[in-house]
Each structure stands twice: as structure tokens, then as C-alpha cells.
């Protein structure tokens, strides 16, 4: 039974459990199919730019053990994409439901960052 603090995401006929905001309960449940299913629930169509951010977030987390701060994302994507596309504004346009740090981390299958409620 699902309580009010959980949501389910159907991925390939399998239920993947998340908390009330869509963060994975078990980080090992992440897959690209999960990201696509959660994005659909959130009304987002993932483009190659979204995938670049998602893969960056996952790689950063695995290398550093913490989520990338927005300023780290801006620095990385400004170098990768140029100042306009790497800007805070553009990153928030890509991830309109909480920005790259909330929605990006959810889609990347990472934990809720400290300070989120």
C-alpha cells in the first residue's frame, strides 16, 4: 500500500517507488527509462541537452559523493555550451519544475539535496 509520502513510477511494467516529490527511494532503481517515465509524469520531454545535464549530475555525484551545486553546473555548462546556454536562466528553462538542482537531481535518480522541503 502506498502512503502519502510515496509516489510510484511505472518503468517497463515494473513499479519504481519514489517519495512524494519523485525522488527515488532506492538509488539502484535508476535507469534512463525511469528518467523518461518521471519526466513524462512531470510534463517534460527529454532532449539531448536534458540528458547531458542528467549524465553530468550522475557523474558528479559518483565522483564527489554529493550533488552538484547550481554554480558548479553553470560553470560546467558555460564551458561546454557557451555563456547563454550554460546560464542559470537556461538551465532553469530546461528543468522548469524546481530547476536543475531539484528536477535535474530527481530525473538523475539522486537524493533530495539538503535544504529542500
C-alpha atoms as a PDB file:
ATOM      1  CA  UNK A   1       0.000   0.000   0.000  1.00  0.00           C
ATOM      2  CA  UNK A   2       1.301   3.470  -0.880  1.00  0.00           C
ATOM      3  CA  UNK A   3       1.276   6.116   1.828  1.00  0.00           C
ATOM      4  CA  UNK A   4       1.010   9.850   1.246  1.00  0.00           C
ATOM      5  CA  UNK A   5       4.799  10.166   1.298  1.00  0.00           C
ATOM      6  CA  UNK A   6       5.295   7.926  -1.748  1.00  0.00           C
ATOM      7  CA  UNK A   7       4.645   8.013  -5.472  1.00  0.00           C
ATOM      8  CA  UNK A   8       5.087   5.191  -7.918  1.00  0.00           C
ATOM      9  CA  UNK A   9       6.605   5.450 -11.377  1.00  0.00           C
ATOM     10  CA  UNK A  10       5.873   2.672 -13.856  1.00  0.00           C
ATOM     11  CA  UNK A  11       9.033   1.684 -15.716  1.00  0.00           C
ATOM     12  CA  UNK A  12       8.758  -1.117 -18.249  1.00  0.00           C
ATOM     13  CA  UNK A  13       5.811  -2.691 -16.443  1.00  0.00           C
ATOM     14  CA  UNK A  14       7.605  -2.515 -13.075  1.00  0.00           C
ATOM     15  CA  UNK A  15       6.700  -0.196 -10.198  1.00  0.00           C
ATOM     16  CA  UNK A  16       9.589   2.003  -9.036  1.00  0.00           C
ATOM     17  CA  UNK A  17       8.983   3.639  -5.672  1.00  0.00           C
ATOM     18  CA  UNK A  18       9.732   7.293  -5.070  1.00  0.00           C
ATOM     19  CA  UNK A  19       8.970   9.717  -2.277  1.00  0.00           C
ATOM     20  CA  UNK A  20       6.187  12.315  -2.516  1.00  0.00           C
ATOM     21  CA  UNK A  21       8.336  14.569  -4.740  1.00  0.00           C
ATOM     22  CA  UNK A  22       9.558  11.868  -7.101  1.00  0.00           C
ATOM     23  CA  UNK A  23      12.995  11.190  -5.610  1.00  0.00           C
ATOM     24  CA  UNK A  24      13.977   7.521  -5.791  1.00  0.00           C
ATOM     25  CA  UNK A  25      13.693   5.546  -2.568  1.00  0.00           C
ATOM     26  CA  UNK A  26      16.434   3.192  -3.810  1.00  0.00           C
ATOM     27  CA  UNK A  27      19.167   4.826  -5.917  1.00  0.00           C
ATOM     28  CA  UNK A  28      19.889   1.470  -7.575  1.00  0.00           C
ATOM     29  CA  UNK A  29      16.437   1.655  -9.243  1.00  0.00           C
ATOM     30  CA  UNK A  30      17.613   4.439 -11.588  1.00  0.00           C
ATOM     31  CA  UNK A  31      17.634   3.856 -15.330  1.00  0.00           C
ATOM     32  CA  UNK A  32      17.214   6.050 -18.380  1.00  0.00           C
ATOM     33  CA  UNK A  33      13.738   4.517 -18.687  1.00  0.00           C
ATOM     34  CA  UNK A  34      12.977   5.745 -15.132  1.00  0.00           C
ATOM     35  CA  UNK A  35      14.125   9.269 -16.065  1.00  0.00           C
ATOM     36  CA  UNK A  36      11.907   9.209 -19.160  1.00  0.00           C
ATOM     37  CA  UNK A  37       8.883   7.930 -17.205  1.00  0.00           C
ATOM     38  CA  UNK A  38       9.302  10.503 -14.422  1.00  0.00           C
ATOM     39  CA  UNK A  39       9.827  13.283 -16.969  1.00  0.00           C
ATOM     40  CA  UNK A  40       6.553  12.277 -18.668  1.00  0.00           C
ATOM     41  CA  UNK A  41       4.773  12.468 -15.284  1.00  0.00           C
ATOM     42  CA  UNK A  42       6.233  15.967 -14.857  1.00  0.00           C
ATOM     43  CA  UNK A  43       5.224  17.061 -18.379  1.00  0.00           C
ATOM     44  CA  UNK A  44       8.786  17.208 -19.687  1.00  0.00           C
ATOM     45  CA  UNK A  45      10.157  15.769 -22.940  1.00  0.00           C
ATOM     46  CA  UNK A  46      13.843  14.939 -22.515  1.00  0.00           C
ATOM     47  CA  UNK A  47      16.125  16.373 -25.209  1.00  0.00           C
ATOM     48  CA  UNK A  48      19.847  15.724 -25.728  1.00  0.00           C
ATOM     49  CA  UNK A  49      20.529  18.809 -23.564  1.00  0.00           C
ATOM     50  CA  UNK A  50      18.496  17.329 -20.693  1.00  0.00           C
ATOM     51  CA  UNK A  51      20.439  14.082 -20.998  1.00  0.00           C
ATOM     52  CA  UNK A  52      23.746  15.980 -20.883  1.00  0.00           C
ATOM     53  CA  UNK A  53      22.686  17.578 -17.599  1.00  0.00           C
ATOM     54  CA  UNK A  54      21.352  14.297 -16.187  1.00  0.00           C
ATOM     55  CA  UNK A  55      24.550  12.418 -17.054  1.00  0.00           C
ATOM     56  CA  UNK A  56      26.685  15.270 -15.661  1.00  0.00           C
ATOM     57  CA  UNK A  57      24.720  15.197 -12.385  1.00  0.00           C
ATOM     58  CA  UNK A  58      25.134  11.418 -12.065  1.00  0.00           C
ATOM     59  CA  UNK A  59      28.858  11.526 -12.876  1.00  0.00           C
ATOM     60  CA  UNK A  60      29.457  14.415 -10.466  1.00  0.00           C
ATOM     61  CA  UNK A  61      27.601  12.605  -7.679  1.00  0.00           C
ATOM     62  CA  UNK A  62      29.523   9.380  -8.258  1.00  0.00           C
ATOM     63  CA  UNK A  63      32.858  11.243  -8.328  1.00  0.00           C
ATOM     64  CA  UNK A  64      32.252  13.595  -5.369  1.00  0.00           C
ATOM     65  CA  UNK A  65      29.599  11.813  -3.280  1.00  0.00           C
ATOM     66  CA  UNK A  66      27.371  14.915  -3.224  1.00  0.00           C
ATOM     67  CA  UNK A  67      25.046  16.629  -5.674  1.00  0.00           C
ATOM     68  CA  UNK A  68      26.457  19.380  -7.857  1.00  0.00           C
ATOM     69  CA  UNK A  69      25.517  22.867  -6.731  1.00  0.00           C
ATOM     70  CA  UNK A  70      23.879  25.097  -9.338  1.00  0.00           C
ATOM     71  CA  UNK A  71      27.006  27.267  -9.564  1.00  0.00           C
ATOM     72  CA  UNK A  72      29.048  24.144 -10.433  1.00  0.00           C
ATOM     73  CA  UNK A  73      26.503  23.272 -13.140  1.00  0.00           C
ATOM     74  CA  UNK A  74      26.617  26.817 -14.527  1.00  0.00           C
ATOM     75  CA  UNK A  75      30.435  26.778 -14.653  1.00  0.00           C
ATOM     76  CA  UNK A  76      30.495  23.357 -16.364  1.00  0.00           C
ATOM     77  CA  UNK A  77      27.761  24.093 -18.920  1.00  0.00           C
ATOM     78  CA  UNK A  78      29.047  27.588 -19.674  1.00  0.00           C
ATOM     79  CA  UNK A  79      32.343  25.938 -20.657  1.00  0.00           C
ATOM     80  CA  UNK A  80      30.542  23.166 -22.572  1.00  0.00           C
ATOM     81  CA  UNK A  81      27.748  25.152 -24.244  1.00  0.00           C
ATOM     82  CA  UNK A  82      28.781  28.811 -24.051  1.00  0.00           C
ATOM     83  CA  UNK A  83      27.593  31.580 -21.712  1.00  0.00           C
ATOM     84  CA  UNK A  84      23.993  31.839 -22.965  1.00  0.00           C
ATOM     85  CA  UNK A  85      23.095  28.134 -22.976  1.00  0.00           C
ATOM     86  CA  UNK A  86      25.125  27.437 -19.827  1.00  0.00           C
ATOM     87  CA  UNK A  87      23.409  30.189 -17.850  1.00  0.00           C
ATOM     88  CA  UNK A  88      21.299  29.726 -14.747  1.00  0.00           C
ATOM     89  CA  UNK A  89      18.287  31.002 -16.717  1.00  0.00           C
ATOM     90  CA  UNK A  90      18.714  28.421 -19.498  1.00  0.00           C
ATOM     91  CA  UNK A  91      19.253  25.560 -17.021  1.00  0.00           C
ATOM     92  CA  UNK A  92      16.031  26.555 -15.236  1.00  0.00           C
ATOM     93  CA  UNK A  93      14.217  26.704 -18.589  1.00  0.00           C
ATOM     94  CA  UNK A  94      15.341  23.120 -19.248  1.00  0.00           C
ATOM     95  CA  UNK A  95      14.069  21.973 -15.831  1.00  0.00           C
ATOM     96  CA  UNK A  96      11.009  24.144 -15.091  1.00  0.00           C
ATOM     97  CA  UNK A  97       9.766  22.070 -12.117  1.00  0.00           C
ATOM     98  CA  UNK A  98      12.328  23.070  -9.489  1.00  0.00           C
ATOM     99  CA  UNK A  99      15.307  23.890 -11.663  1.00  0.00           C
ATOM    100  CA  UNK A 100      18.329  21.727 -12.386  1.00  0.00           C
ATOM    101  CA  UNK A 101      19.100  21.081  -8.739  1.00  0.00           C
ATOM    102  CA  UNK A 102      15.653  19.714  -7.849  1.00  0.00           C
ATOM    103  CA  UNK A 103      14.144  18.389 -11.080  1.00  0.00           C
ATOM    104  CA  UNK A 104      17.536  17.536 -12.535  1.00  0.00           C
ATOM    105  CA  UNK A 105      18.504  15.519  -9.456  1.00  0.00           C
ATOM    106  CA  UNK A 106      15.122  13.750  -9.427  1.00  0.00           C
ATOM    107  CA  UNK A 107      15.497  12.740 -13.061  1.00  0.00           C
ATOM    108  CA  UNK A 108      19.133  11.726 -12.468  1.00  0.00           C
ATOM    109  CA  UNK A 109      17.946   9.419  -9.695  1.00  0.00           C
ATOM    110  CA  UNK A 110      19.804  11.282  -6.975  1.00  0.00           C
ATOM    111  CA  UNK A 111      18.729  12.121  -3.442  1.00  0.00           C
ATOM    112  CA  UNK A 112      16.950  15.257  -2.408  1.00  0.00           C
ATOM    113  CA  UNK A 113      19.563  17.940  -1.682  1.00  0.00           C
ATOM    114  CA  UNK A 114      19.992  19.356   1.796  1.00  0.00           C
ATOM    115  CA  UNK A 115      17.705  22.284   2.472  1.00  0.00           C
ATOM    116  CA  UNK A 116      14.900  21.046   0.216  1.00  0.00           C
ATOM    117  CA  UNK A 117      11.467  20.528   1.700  1.00  0.00           C
END
